[in-house]
Amino acid sequence: MERSRGLVVVLLILCVARAAPADGSCSPVTVVARLREGRFTEIKKVSDIAQDLLAEFWRTTPAHGLKAFADPDAEFQATDVIDQRNLPWRRLIFAGRSPSISFVYYEKGGIALSRHVFVTCSMGQLTRSFSYVWPPDAKDSSSLFTRLRSECLVTPPREYPEKAELDRCVR
C-alpha cells in the first residue's frame, strides 16, 4: 500500500512538471492570462509599490531626469515644455501585485503624453520583465486587462515600440 501511494505521488509530480511551461510559467501568454484573472492587490500610491518592482523598472527602463513617479492626480512633467524643475516624467495611474505577477500602469510625459504598462513575473528563481506596446486607456485593471493581447507583451521592456511591434500591436 505504501509503495502504491509513493508511485501515485511520483506520477502526480511528473504530470505537474510536464504541464508547466519550460520557461517557468512566465511566457507572455501565461502572463496575460494571469493579468486577466485580476487577482491583484491594487495599488494607488507610489509609496505602496514594492521596492523590488521599482528597482526592476529602473534597472530595465532608460530614464532621463528624475527617477520617480508622481502619485495619481499629482503634478508631473506632462509635456516637453519645462516650467518647473524636478517634476517626475512619469505618473502612476495604478499598480498591482499578486504572488507571481506585479505591474505598473502609468503615464509618461514629453513630446506626447503616453500610457505604459510594465510587468514582472517571478516564479522561483526566474524573474522576467515585460512592457506592453500601446496599452488601451483604462480606469481600472479589469478594463485594462480584458483588452490585452499576448503578442504585444514584449521583452526587454521599453517605453517606445519597435517597428515590427507597431505593425502587430497598434490598431
Protein backbone atom coordinates (compact mmCIF):
# COMPACT_ATOMS: atom_id res chain seq x y z
CA MET A 1 0.00 0.00 0.00
CA GLU A 2 2.79 2.42 0.96
CA ARG A 3 4.58 1.64 -2.31
CA SER A 4 1.49 2.39 -4.40
CA ARG A 5 0.99 5.75 -2.62
CA GLY A 6 4.59 6.65 -3.41
CA LEU A 7 4.04 5.74 -7.05
CA VAL A 8 0.91 7.95 -7.19
CA VAL A 9 2.83 10.89 -5.70
CA VAL A 10 5.66 10.45 -8.24
CA LEU A 11 3.14 10.29 -11.10
CA LEU A 12 1.40 13.44 -9.87
CA ILE A 13 4.70 15.29 -9.64
CA LEU A 14 5.63 14.21 -13.17
CA CYS A 15 2.23 15.32 -14.51
CA VAL A 16 2.50 18.74 -12.88
CA ALA A 17 6.10 19.19 -14.05
CA ARG A 18 5.15 18.20 -17.59
CA ALA A 19 2.20 20.63 -17.67
CA ALA A 20 4.33 23.60 -16.57
CA PRO A 21 5.89 25.60 -19.42
CA ALA A 22 9.65 25.27 -19.76
CA ASP A 23 10.12 28.98 -19.03
CA GLY A 24 8.68 28.63 -15.52
CA SER A 25 5.24 29.95 -16.49
CA CYS A 26 6.47 33.45 -17.32
CA SER A 27 5.68 33.31 -21.03
CA PRO A 28 3.75 36.28 -22.49
CA VAL A 29 0.68 34.07 -22.99
CA THR A 30 0.74 32.93 -19.35
CA VAL A 31 1.42 36.44 -18.04
CA VAL A 32 -1.50 37.95 -19.98
CA ALA A 33 -3.77 35.10 -18.77
CA ARG A 34 -2.76 35.83 -15.16
CA LEU A 35 -3.31 39.55 -15.64
CA ARG A 36 -6.81 38.82 -16.97
CA GLU A 37 -7.61 36.74 -13.88
CA GLY A 38 -7.41 40.00 -11.93
CA ARG A 39 -6.27 38.53 -8.61
CA PHE A 40 -4.24 41.54 -7.52
CA THR A 41 -3.90 43.81 -4.61
CA GLU A 42 -4.48 47.15 -6.33
CA ILE A 43 -2.03 49.94 -5.52
CA LYS A 44 -2.98 53.62 -5.81
CA LYS A 45 0.07 55.34 -4.25
CA VAL A 46 3.68 55.24 -5.36
CA SER A 47 4.83 54.76 -1.75
CA ASP A 48 2.87 51.46 -1.67
CA ILE A 49 4.67 49.97 -4.68
CA ALA A 50 7.18 47.31 -3.62
CA GLN A 51 10.78 48.47 -3.84
CA ASP A 52 11.80 45.36 -5.80
CA LEU A 53 9.27 46.24 -8.54
CA LEU A 54 10.52 49.83 -8.73
CA ALA A 55 14.14 48.66 -8.76
CA GLU A 56 13.41 46.29 -11.66
CA PHE A 57 11.60 49.08 -13.51
CA TRP A 58 14.55 51.48 -13.19
CA ARG A 59 17.02 48.70 -14.00
CA THR A 60 15.29 47.83 -17.28
CA THR A 61 13.80 51.16 -18.38
CA PRO A 62 16.00 54.04 -19.51
CA ALA A 63 15.35 57.19 -17.53
CA HIS A 64 16.10 60.79 -18.26
CA GLY A 65 15.69 63.29 -15.50
CA LEU A 66 14.27 62.38 -12.11
CA LYS A 67 13.88 58.64 -11.40
CA ALA A 68 10.47 58.90 -9.80
CA PHE A 69 6.76 58.51 -10.32
CA ALA A 70 4.18 61.08 -9.28
CA ASP A 71 1.08 59.84 -7.47
CA PRO A 72 -2.21 59.80 -9.39
CA ASP A 73 -3.60 63.34 -9.80
CA ALA A 74 -0.26 64.85 -8.69
CA GLU A 75 1.65 67.25 -10.88
CA PHE A 76 4.24 65.76 -13.24
CA GLN A 77 6.09 66.76 -16.41
CA ALA A 78 3.25 66.02 -18.86
CA THR A 79 4.74 67.91 -21.83
CA ASP A 80 8.14 68.78 -23.20
CA VAL A 81 7.72 72.39 -22.05
CA ILE A 82 9.51 72.55 -18.70
CA ASP A 83 8.01 75.20 -16.40
CA GLN A 84 9.12 73.62 -13.12
CA ARG A 85 12.28 71.72 -12.42
CA ASN A 86 12.39 68.41 -10.59
CA LEU A 87 8.96 67.11 -11.61
CA PRO A 88 8.81 63.38 -12.41
CA TRP A 89 8.28 62.48 -16.08
CA ARG A 90 6.02 59.56 -15.10
CA ARG A 91 2.75 59.47 -13.15
CA LEU A 92 1.17 56.37 -11.64
CA ILE A 93 -2.35 55.53 -12.82
CA PHE A 94 -2.50 52.34 -10.73
CA ALA A 95 -0.37 49.29 -9.98
CA GLY A 96 -0.99 45.79 -8.68
CA ARG A 97 0.69 42.82 -7.09
CA SER A 98 -0.02 39.13 -6.76
CA PRO A 99 2.31 36.37 -5.56
CA SER A 100 3.88 35.97 -9.03
CA ILE A 101 2.86 38.99 -11.15
CA SER A 102 3.34 42.71 -10.49
CA PHE A 103 2.55 45.62 -12.77
CA VAL A 104 2.65 49.40 -13.00
CA TYR A 105 0.24 51.24 -15.32
CA TYR A 106 1.47 54.79 -15.78
CA GLU A 107 1.58 57.90 -17.93
CA LYS A 108 4.77 59.33 -19.36
CA GLY A 109 5.13 62.96 -20.34
CA GLY A 110 7.29 64.51 -23.01
CA ILE A 111 6.64 65.43 -26.64
CA ALA A 112 3.48 63.32 -26.47
CA LEU A 113 1.69 62.10 -23.34
CA SER A 114 1.56 58.30 -23.46
CA ARG A 115 0.45 55.38 -21.31
CA HIS A 116 2.52 52.32 -20.49
CA VAL A 117 2.32 49.01 -18.63
CA PHE A 118 5.40 47.49 -17.01
CA VAL A 119 5.02 43.88 -15.80
CA THR A 120 7.23 41.49 -13.86
CA CYS A 121 6.68 37.77 -13.48
CA SER A 122 8.54 35.84 -10.78
CA MET A 123 8.47 32.07 -10.50
CA GLY A 124 11.05 30.67 -8.11
CA GLN A 125 14.47 31.91 -9.22
CA LEU A 126 13.15 33.21 -12.56
CA THR A 127 12.09 36.85 -12.98
CA ARG A 128 11.09 38.23 -16.37
CA SER A 129 10.16 41.82 -17.12
CA PHE A 130 7.87 42.98 -19.91
CA SER A 131 6.26 46.08 -21.25
CA TYR A 132 3.02 46.24 -23.15
CA VAL A 133 3.08 48.04 -26.51
CA TRP A 134 0.41 50.76 -26.73
CA PRO A 135 -1.91 49.71 -23.88
CA PRO A 136 -5.53 50.86 -24.04
CA ASP A 137 -6.73 53.74 -21.86
CA ALA A 138 -8.33 52.25 -18.77
CA LYS A 139 -9.64 53.42 -15.40
CA ASP A 140 -9.24 50.08 -13.63
CA SER A 141 -7.39 46.79 -14.04
CA SER A 142 -10.35 44.80 -15.39
CA SER A 143 -10.94 47.26 -18.24
CA LEU A 144 -7.21 47.28 -18.98
CA PHE A 145 -6.50 43.57 -18.90
CA THR A 146 -9.53 42.28 -20.79
CA ARG A 147 -8.16 44.01 -23.90
CA LEU A 148 -4.50 42.95 -23.68
CA ARG A 149 -3.04 40.64 -26.32
CA SER A 150 -0.05 38.42 -25.53
CA GLU A 151 1.77 39.25 -28.77
CA CYS A 152 2.09 42.86 -27.58
CA LEU A 153 3.77 41.98 -24.27
CA VAL A 154 7.45 42.43 -25.12
CA THR A 155 10.78 41.84 -23.50
CA PRO A 156 13.13 43.54 -22.87
CA PRO A 157 10.79 46.25 -21.55
CA ARG A 158 10.66 49.51 -23.47
CA GLU A 159 8.53 52.61 -23.50
CA TYR A 160 8.54 53.05 -27.25
CA PRO A 161 7.72 50.22 -29.64
CA GLU A 162 9.92 48.95 -32.42
CA LYS A 163 8.58 48.99 -35.99
CA ALA A 164 7.54 45.31 -36.05
CA GLU A 165 5.61 45.81 -32.81
CA LEU A 166 3.79 48.80 -34.26
CA ASP A 167 2.67 46.66 -37.20
CA ARG A 168 1.16 43.97 -35.00
CA CYS A 169 0.05 45.91 -31.90
CA VAL A 170 -1.31 49.30 -32.98
CA ARG A 171 -4.83 49.07 -34.28
